[in-house]
Amino acid sequence: MDKSLMRRILFIALAVVLAHWALTNHTVVFQLLKRLFSIVNPLIAGAALAFILNVPMRSLEGRVFTRGRPMLRRAVSLITTLLIVVILLGLILLIVIPELAVAIERLGSQMPAFIDRVKQLGEELATWLPDTGFWSDELDISWEGLKKNSLDLLKRSSAVLVGSTLGIATSMVSGVVNFLLGLIFACYMLIQKEQLTRQFKRLLSAFVEPETASRILHAGSLVNTTFSRFAAGACAEAVILGLMFLVSMLIFRFPYAVLVSALVSVSALIPIVGAFVALFVGVFLMLVSDPMQALWFFVLFLVLQQIEGNFIYPRVVGDSIGLPALWVLAAVMVGGKLFGVLGMLAAVPSAAVAYVLIRESVGQRGQRKSNQSVKGP
């Protein structure tokens, strides 16, 4: 028997035995995977952070810091990128947290009047439509209890927001340590990225067949290009959309302009789902104070979303995703179900990469079959 065929049979048999053992002892396997993930978590976080930071750092290194030694330009570009990220995060926190505290306090003062308006509306509906009399009778709504519970909830939220910052900071020591380790690992990867690329190519050439190595390198290049374009385009689009909402809400004198605009910018990074989250929060905040403002905000949201979807998103993000809308929705749903918000963020570019690879593979197989049919038997 051929040695290569024998090795393949042994490999398949070993894989079947391992799969049977893993299914039989799935609890142990999950515990081992969880333990392994906790060990390599800083490395995974560092690699993801390096990939994100590489987008602005590469732009700075190629367009701003173009003179001097390569290692010096790389170090200056990395330090500048880190400073920009820290400054942006600090500004966002300094702006959003006070606005959030003000919004909670304003809701606390306006919630009783809002509940009274809802009660009055229900009574008017019961008068106009006698068949809806169950509104206040059969449902047995305790309006005073509802007021008290709403105010207690808002007070607790405000107290948690103001008083728990130190507690949260002190209870996240392990997370901070993992983040610092990941940041150090990310900086090393960014400084030595060309060397790491060369080492990876040498490793592939030593242990993998040339054709397979070429496919792996092509997939890696496609992942890098797709994720980089998607990250840069999505961030730029989120900033533009947030500024559009901020300017529009300030012009029309909507309340919570800064808070809602910041929420729109953040939620815009999550395709499809993020827009509905921002819409729900904005409508709820304005509905408590003035229902007409909530209605006009809904109209403004639809108008700006149409402008963003038809003009801004295609031009800023462009065809970097190259994924049909149906698969975008499916990717967001599956990614969110498996990994939460981070899964939603990474699902679309991941699905785009898989879509391109499958399309290329189908095209190559179709081309080979057509060539064989032309040659004939």
Protein backbone atom coordinates (compact mmCIF):
# COMPACT_ATOMS: atom_id res chain seq x y z
CA MET A 1 0.00 0.00 0.00
CA ASP A 2 1.18 3.51 -0.80
CA LYS A 3 2.75 5.27 2.21
CA SER A 4 0.90 8.52 1.59
CA LEU A 5 -2.43 6.68 1.43
CA MET A 6 -1.55 4.82 4.62
CA ARG A 7 -0.76 8.07 6.41
CA ARG A 8 -4.04 9.56 5.22
CA ILE A 9 -6.02 6.56 6.50
CA LEU A 10 -4.26 6.73 9.87
CA PHE A 11 -4.92 10.45 10.08
CA ILE A 12 -8.65 9.98 9.35
CA ALA A 13 -8.88 7.16 11.91
CA LEU A 14 -7.18 9.29 14.54
CA ALA A 15 -9.50 12.20 13.77
CA VAL A 16 -12.56 9.94 14.13
CA VAL A 17 -11.31 8.61 17.49
CA LEU A 18 -10.61 12.14 18.76
CA ALA A 19 -14.02 13.38 17.59
CA HIS A 20 -15.74 10.46 19.35
CA TRP A 21 -13.83 11.15 22.56
CA ALA A 22 -14.62 14.89 22.38
CA LEU A 23 -18.35 14.21 21.91
CA THR A 24 -18.39 11.68 24.75
CA ASN A 25 -16.50 14.00 27.11
CA HIS A 26 -17.86 17.33 25.87
CA THR A 27 -17.93 18.83 29.38
CA VAL A 28 -14.22 18.21 29.84
CA VAL A 29 -13.52 19.56 26.36
CA PHE A 30 -15.44 22.78 27.07
CA GLN A 31 -13.56 23.25 30.34
CA LEU A 32 -10.23 22.73 28.58
CA LEU A 33 -11.18 25.18 25.84
CA LYS A 34 -12.31 27.73 28.42
CA ARG A 35 -9.05 27.34 30.31
CA LEU A 36 -7.01 27.61 27.13
CA PHE A 37 -8.92 30.71 26.04
CA SER A 38 -8.32 32.38 29.42
CA ILE A 39 -4.59 31.74 29.01
CA VAL A 40 -4.29 33.03 25.44
CA ASN A 41 -6.90 35.78 25.90
CA PRO A 42 -4.26 38.56 26.25
CA LEU A 43 -2.58 37.35 23.06
CA ILE A 44 -5.87 37.29 21.14
CA ALA A 45 -6.81 40.74 22.46
CA GLY A 46 -3.34 42.04 21.59
CA ALA A 47 -3.56 40.69 18.04
CA ALA A 48 -7.00 42.27 17.55
CA LEU A 49 -5.78 45.55 19.03
CA ALA A 50 -2.71 45.50 16.80
CA PHE A 51 -4.88 44.97 13.74
CA ILE A 52 -7.10 47.94 14.65
CA LEU A 53 -4.21 50.27 15.54
CA ASN A 54 -2.36 49.30 12.37
CA VAL A 55 -4.93 51.13 10.22
CA PRO A 56 -4.20 54.69 11.47
CA MET A 57 -0.54 53.90 12.21
CA ARG A 58 0.07 52.77 8.64
CA SER A 59 -1.52 55.97 7.34
CA LEU A 60 0.63 58.15 9.61
CA GLU A 61 3.78 56.28 8.70
CA GLY A 62 3.13 56.53 4.98
CA ARG A 63 1.81 60.11 4.77
CA VAL A 64 2.98 62.13 7.77
CA PHE A 65 6.22 60.70 9.18
CA THR A 66 7.98 60.00 5.91
CA ARG A 67 11.52 61.06 6.83
CA GLY A 68 14.12 59.50 9.10
CA ARG A 69 15.07 55.95 9.92
CA PRO A 70 12.36 53.32 9.42
CA MET A 71 12.34 52.15 13.05
CA LEU A 72 12.18 55.73 14.33
CA ARG A 73 9.28 56.54 11.99
CA ARG A 74 7.52 53.36 13.11
CA ALA A 75 7.95 54.21 16.81
CA VAL A 76 6.77 57.81 16.36
CA SER A 77 3.76 56.67 14.33
CA LEU A 78 2.82 54.10 16.99
CA ILE A 79 3.13 56.59 19.87
CA THR A 80 1.09 59.17 17.93
CA THR A 81 -1.61 56.59 17.21
CA LEU A 82 -1.84 55.61 20.89
CA LEU A 83 -2.06 59.27 21.94
CA ILE A 84 -4.82 59.94 19.43
CA VAL A 85 -6.84 56.94 20.65
CA VAL A 86 -6.42 57.92 24.32
CA ILE A 87 -7.41 61.54 23.64
CA LEU A 88 -10.48 60.51 21.63
CA LEU A 89 -11.65 58.04 24.28
CA GLY A 90 -11.09 60.63 27.01
CA LEU A 91 -13.07 63.27 25.15
CA ILE A 92 -15.93 60.85 24.50
CA LEU A 93 -16.12 59.85 28.18
CA LEU A 94 -15.90 63.46 29.38
CA ILE A 95 -18.74 64.45 27.07
CA VAL A 96 -21.04 61.42 27.29
CA ILE A 97 -20.95 60.64 31.03
CA PRO A 98 -22.13 64.12 32.19
CA GLU A 99 -24.80 64.11 29.46
CA LEU A 100 -25.96 60.68 30.60
CA ALA A 101 -26.21 61.83 34.21
CA VAL A 102 -28.22 64.90 33.15
CA ALA A 103 -30.51 62.70 31.03
CA ILE A 104 -31.22 60.39 33.99
CA GLU A 105 -31.97 63.35 36.28
CA ARG A 106 -34.24 64.92 33.66
CA LEU A 107 -36.08 61.64 33.19
CA GLY A 108 -36.57 61.43 36.95
CA SER A 109 -38.23 64.83 37.04
CA GLN A 110 -40.36 64.24 33.93
CA MET A 111 -41.43 60.62 34.49
CA PRO A 112 -44.40 61.35 36.84
CA ALA A 113 -45.94 63.79 34.36
CA PHE A 114 -45.38 61.30 31.54
CA ILE A 115 -47.16 58.54 33.48
CA ASP A 116 -50.05 60.94 34.20
CA ARG A 117 -50.34 61.68 30.47
CA VAL A 118 -50.39 57.97 29.66
CA LYS A 119 -53.10 57.43 32.27
CA GLN A 120 -55.16 60.32 30.89
CA LEU A 121 -54.75 59.02 27.34
CA GLY A 122 -55.95 55.59 28.43
CA GLU A 123 -59.00 57.07 30.12
CA GLU A 124 -59.83 59.12 27.02
CA LEU A 125 -59.51 56.03 24.83
CA ALA A 126 -61.79 54.15 27.21
CA THR A 127 -64.35 56.96 26.90
CA TRP A 128 -64.16 57.15 23.11
CA LEU A 129 -64.05 53.39 22.67
CA PRO A 130 -66.09 51.66 25.38
CA ASP A 131 -64.79 48.24 24.30
CA THR A 132 -61.32 49.21 25.59
CA GLY A 133 -62.54 49.74 29.15
CA PHE A 134 -60.29 46.92 30.31
CA TRP A 135 -57.44 49.49 30.04
CA SER A 136 -57.92 50.57 33.65
CA ASP A 137 -60.30 47.96 35.04
CA GLU A 138 -59.13 44.50 34.10
CA LEU A 139 -55.44 45.36 33.92
CA ASP A 140 -55.63 46.96 37.39
CA ILE A 141 -52.68 49.28 36.84
CA SER A 142 -51.35 50.96 39.98
CA TRP A 143 -50.31 54.32 38.59
CA GLU A 144 -48.87 55.61 41.87
CA GLY A 145 -46.88 52.41 42.30
CA LEU A 146 -45.66 52.72 38.72
CA LYS A 147 -44.50 56.27 39.42
CA LYS A 148 -42.70 55.23 42.58
CA ASN A 149 -40.99 52.25 40.94
CA SER A 150 -39.90 54.37 37.96
CA LEU A 151 -38.44 57.06 40.21
CA ASP A 152 -36.70 54.46 42.38
CA LEU A 153 -35.19 52.84 39.29
CA LEU A 154 -33.90 56.16 37.97
CA LYS A 155 -32.49 57.10 41.37
CA ARG A 156 -30.68 53.79 41.64
CA SER A 157 -29.33 54.18 38.10
CA SER A 158 -28.07 57.67 38.90
CA ALA A 159 -26.49 56.47 42.14
CA VAL A 160 -24.82 53.59 40.35
CA LEU A 161 -23.58 55.92 37.62
CA VAL A 162 -22.11 58.39 40.10
CA GLY A 163 -20.98 56.14 42.93
CA SER A 164 -19.88 52.90 41.30
CA THR A 165 -17.11 54.22 39.10
CA LEU A 166 -14.42 53.63 41.72
CA GLY A 167 -15.84 50.24 42.62
CA ILE A 168 -15.88 49.11 39.01
CA ALA A 169 -12.33 50.36 38.49
CA THR A 170 -11.01 48.54 41.56
CA SER A 171 -12.83 45.29 40.72
CA MET A 172 -11.36 45.04 37.22
CA VAL A 173 -7.71 44.53 38.13
CA SER A 174 -7.40 41.31 36.17
CA GLY A 175 -9.04 42.90 33.14
CA VAL A 176 -6.69 45.88 33.30
CA VAL A 177 -3.69 43.55 33.58
CA ASN A 178 -4.86 41.51 30.59
CA PHE A 179 -5.43 44.70 28.62
CA LEU A 180 -1.92 45.97 29.42
CA LEU A 181 -0.40 42.64 28.44
CA GLY A 182 -2.40 42.69 25.23
CA LEU A 183 -1.32 46.28 24.53
CA ILE A 184 2.34 45.37 25.03
CA PHE A 185 1.91 42.38 22.71
CA ALA A 186 0.15 44.60 20.16
CA CYS A 187 2.96 47.18 20.23
CA TYR A 188 5.53 44.43 19.68
CA MET A 189 3.54 43.07 16.75
CA LEU A 190 3.23 46.53 15.19
CA ILE A 191 6.93 47.31 15.58
CA GLN A 192 8.01 43.93 14.20
CA LYS A 193 5.18 43.26 11.74
CA GLU A 194 7.43 42.80 8.68
CA GLN A 195 9.64 40.36 10.59
CA LEU A 196 6.60 38.42 11.83
CA THR A 197 5.29 38.23 8.27
CA ARG A 198 8.60 36.84 7.01
CA GLN A 199 8.70 34.27 9.81
CA PHE A 200 5.16 33.15 9.06
CA LYS A 201 5.96 32.73 5.35
CA ARG A 202 9.07 30.68 6.19
CA LEU A 203 7.01 28.50 8.51
CA LEU A 204 4.47 27.87 5.76
CA SER A 205 7.13 27.06 3.17
CA ALA A 206 8.78 24.59 5.56
CA PHE A 207 5.71 22.60 6.63
CA VAL A 208 3.03 23.20 3.96
CA GLU A 209 2.84 22.37 0.27
CA PRO A 210 3.48 25.36 -2.02
CA GLU A 211 -0.06 25.39 -3.43
CA THR A 212 -1.64 25.26 0.03
CA ALA A 213 0.76 27.92 1.32
CA SER A 214 -0.20 30.17 -1.58
CA ARG A 215 -3.88 29.77 -0.73
CA ILE A 216 -3.26 30.55 2.95
CA LEU A 217 -1.28 33.68 2.07
CA HIS A 218 -3.99 34.78 -0.36
CA ALA A 219 -6.66 34.31 2.33
CA GLY A 220 -4.55 36.23 4.84
CA SER A 221 -4.05 39.09 2.40
CA LEU A 222 -7.78 39.16 1.70
CA VAL A 223 -8.57 39.23 5.43
CA ASN A 224 -6.13 42.06 6.02
CA THR A 225 -7.46 44.13 3.12
CA THR A 226 -11.14 43.55 3.88
CA PHE A 227 -10.92 44.17 7.62
CA SER A 228 -8.71 47.25 7.19
CA ARG A 229 -11.01 48.86 4.64
CA PHE A 230 -14.09 47.96 6.64
CA ALA A 231 -12.65 49.33 9.91
CA ALA A 232 -11.49 52.59 8.35
CA GLY A 233 -14.67 53.11 6.36
CA ALA A 234 -17.01 52.18 9.23
CA CYS A 235 -15.26 54.54 11.66
CA ALA A 236 -15.33 57.41 9.17
CA GLU A 237 -18.98 56.74 8.37
CA ALA A 238 -19.88 56.61 12.08
CA VAL A 239 -18.20 59.97 12.73
CA ILE A 240 -19.94 61.59 9.75
CA LEU A 241 -23.33 60.22 10.78
CA GLY A 242 -22.87 61.36 14.38
CA LEU A 243 -21.96 64.86 13.24
CA MET A 244 -25.00 64.95 10.96
CA PHE A 245 -27.28 64.07 13.87
CA LEU A 246 -25.55 66.54 16.20
CA VAL A 247 -25.84 69.46 13.79
CA SER A 248 -29.41 68.62 12.79
CA MET A 249 -30.60 68.18 16.39
CA LEU A 250 -28.94 71.43 17.47
CA ILE A 251 -30.51 73.32 14.56
CA PHE A 252 -34.00 72.00 15.32
CA ARG A 253 -33.39 72.32 19.08
CA PHE A 254 -33.97 68.71 20.02
CA PRO A 255 -33.02 67.73 23.58
CA TYR A 256 -30.23 65.23 24.34
CA ALA A 257 -28.43 66.19 21.14
CA VAL A 258 -24.92 65.25 22.34
CA LEU A 259 -25.99 62.00 24.01
CA VAL A 260 -28.10 60.77 21.08
CA SER A 261 -25.43 61.75 18.53
CA ALA A 262 -22.76 59.86 20.46
CA LEU A 263 -25.07 56.85 20.67
CA VAL A 264 -25.76 57.03 16.93
CA SER A 265 -22.01 57.12 16.18
CA VAL A 266 -21.29 54.09 18.34
CA SER A 267 -24.31 52.09 17.18
CA ALA A 268 -23.52 52.85 13.53
CA LEU A 269 -20.55 50.48 13.82
CA ILE A 270 -23.04 47.62 14.18
CA PRO A 271 -24.77 47.12 10.81
CA ILE A 272 -28.59 47.03 10.72
CA VAL A 273 -29.17 46.41 14.45
CA GLY A 274 -27.33 49.49 15.74
CA ALA A 275 -29.65 51.94 13.99
CA PHE A 276 -32.72 50.52 15.72
CA VAL A 277 -31.04 50.73 19.14
CA ALA A 278 -30.22 54.42 18.66
CA LEU A 279 -33.73 55.09 17.34
CA PHE A 280 -35.41 53.39 20.32
CA VAL A 281 -33.32 55.24 22.92
CA GLY A 282 -33.75 58.62 21.24
CA VAL A 283 -37.51 58.24 20.82
CA PHE A 284 -37.94 57.09 24.42
CA LEU A 285 -35.93 60.01 25.85
CA MET A 286 -37.97 62.55 23.91
CA LEU A 287 -41.30 60.79 24.37
CA VAL A 288 -41.12 61.35 28.12
CA SER A 289 -40.70 65.10 27.74
CA ASP A 290 -42.66 65.84 24.55
CA PRO A 291 -44.38 63.25 22.30
CA MET A 292 -44.32 65.61 19.32
CA GLN A 293 -40.56 65.95 19.63
CA ALA A 294 -40.31 62.17 19.60
CA LEU A 295 -42.38 62.07 16.41
CA TRP A 296 -40.25 64.70 14.69
CA PHE A 297 -37.07 62.95 15.84
CA PHE A 298 -38.39 59.76 14.26
CA VAL A 299 -38.89 61.65 10.98
CA LEU A 300 -35.41 63.21 11.22
CA PHE A 301 -33.90 59.80 11.91
CA LEU A 302 -35.52 58.29 8.83
CA VAL A 303 -34.36 61.17 6.61
CA LEU A 304 -30.76 61.04 7.84
CA GLN A 305 -30.70 57.26 7.59
CA GLN A 306 -31.80 57.48 3.94
CA ILE A 307 -29.07 60.04 3.22
CA GLU A 308 -26.49 57.88 5.00
CA GLY A 309 -27.58 54.63 3.35
CA ASN A 310 -27.86 55.96 -0.21
CA PHE A 311 -25.03 58.51 -0.41
CA ILE A 312 -22.56 58.39 2.50
CA TYR A 313 -22.16 54.66 3.15
CA PRO A 314 -21.56 53.65 -0.50
CA ARG A 315 -19.00 56.43 -0.98
CA VAL A 316 -17.15 56.14 2.35
CA VAL A 317 -17.20 52.39 2.89
CA GLY A 318 -17.57 51.67 -0.82
CA ASP A 319 -17.42 48.10 -2.04
CA SER A 320 -14.96 47.06 0.68
CA ILE A 321 -17.46 44.52 2.00
CA GLY A 322 -18.80 43.24 -1.30
CA LEU A 323 -21.50 41.23 0.51
CA PRO A 324 -25.17 41.03 -0.48
CA ALA A 325 -27.65 42.53 1.98
CA LEU A 326 -29.18 39.13 2.80
CA TRP A 327 -25.82 37.74 3.93
CA VAL A 328 -25.08 40.93 5.89
CA LEU A 329 -28.26 40.38 7.90
CA ALA A 330 -27.48 36.68 8.38
CA ALA A 331 -23.91 37.45 9.49
CA VAL A 332 -25.07 40.04 12.03
CA MET A 333 -27.67 37.66 13.48
CA VAL A 334 -25.30 34.69 13.76
CA GLY A 335 -22.40 36.77 15.07
CA GLY A 336 -24.56 38.47 17.68
CA LYS A 337 -26.04 35.15 18.80
CA LEU A 338 -22.63 33.54 19.23
CA PHE A 339 -20.40 36.36 20.48
CA GLY A 340 -22.65 39.32 21.33
CA VAL A 341 -21.74 42.84 20.23
CA LEU A 342 -18.16 41.92 19.28
CA GLY A 343 -19.57 39.15 17.11
CA MET A 344 -21.78 41.65 15.31
CA LEU A 345 -18.80 43.91 14.66
CA ALA A 346 -16.60 41.15 13.24
CA ALA A 347 -19.34 39.15 11.51
CA VAL A 348 -19.77 41.31 8.41
CA PRO A 349 -16.09 41.51 7.29
CA SER A 350 -15.61 37.83 8.23
CA ALA A 351 -18.60 36.85 6.11
CA ALA A 352 -17.29 39.07 3.30
CA VAL A 353 -13.96 37.23 3.35
CA ALA A 354 -15.69 33.84 3.34
CA TYR A 355 -17.99 35.01 0.54
CA VAL A 356 -15.06 36.08 -1.67
CA LEU A 357 -13.10 32.87 -1.01
CA ILE A 358 -16.11 30.66 -1.79
CA ARG A 359 -16.85 32.70 -4.92
CA GLU A 360 -13.24 32.32 -6.10
CA SER A 361 -13.26 28.59 -5.36
CA VAL A 362 -16.55 28.10 -7.25
CA GLY A 363 -15.20 30.11 -10.18
CA GLN A 364 -11.99 28.07 -10.33
CA ARG A 365 -13.86 24.77 -10.19
CA GLY A 366 -16.26 25.93 -12.89
CA GLN A 367 -13.35 27.00 -15.07
CA ARG A 368 -11.62 23.64 -14.67
CA LYS A 369 -14.80 21.75 -15.55
CA SER A 370 -15.40 23.91 -18.62
CA ASN A 371 -11.81 23.32 -19.75
CA GLN A 372 -12.22 19.58 -19.31
CA SER A 373 -15.47 19.60 -21.28
CA VAL A 374 -13.79 21.52 -24.11
CA LYS A 375 -10.91 19.02 -24.27
CA GLY A 376 -13.35 16.11 -24.32
CA PRO A 377 -12.69 12.51 -23.31
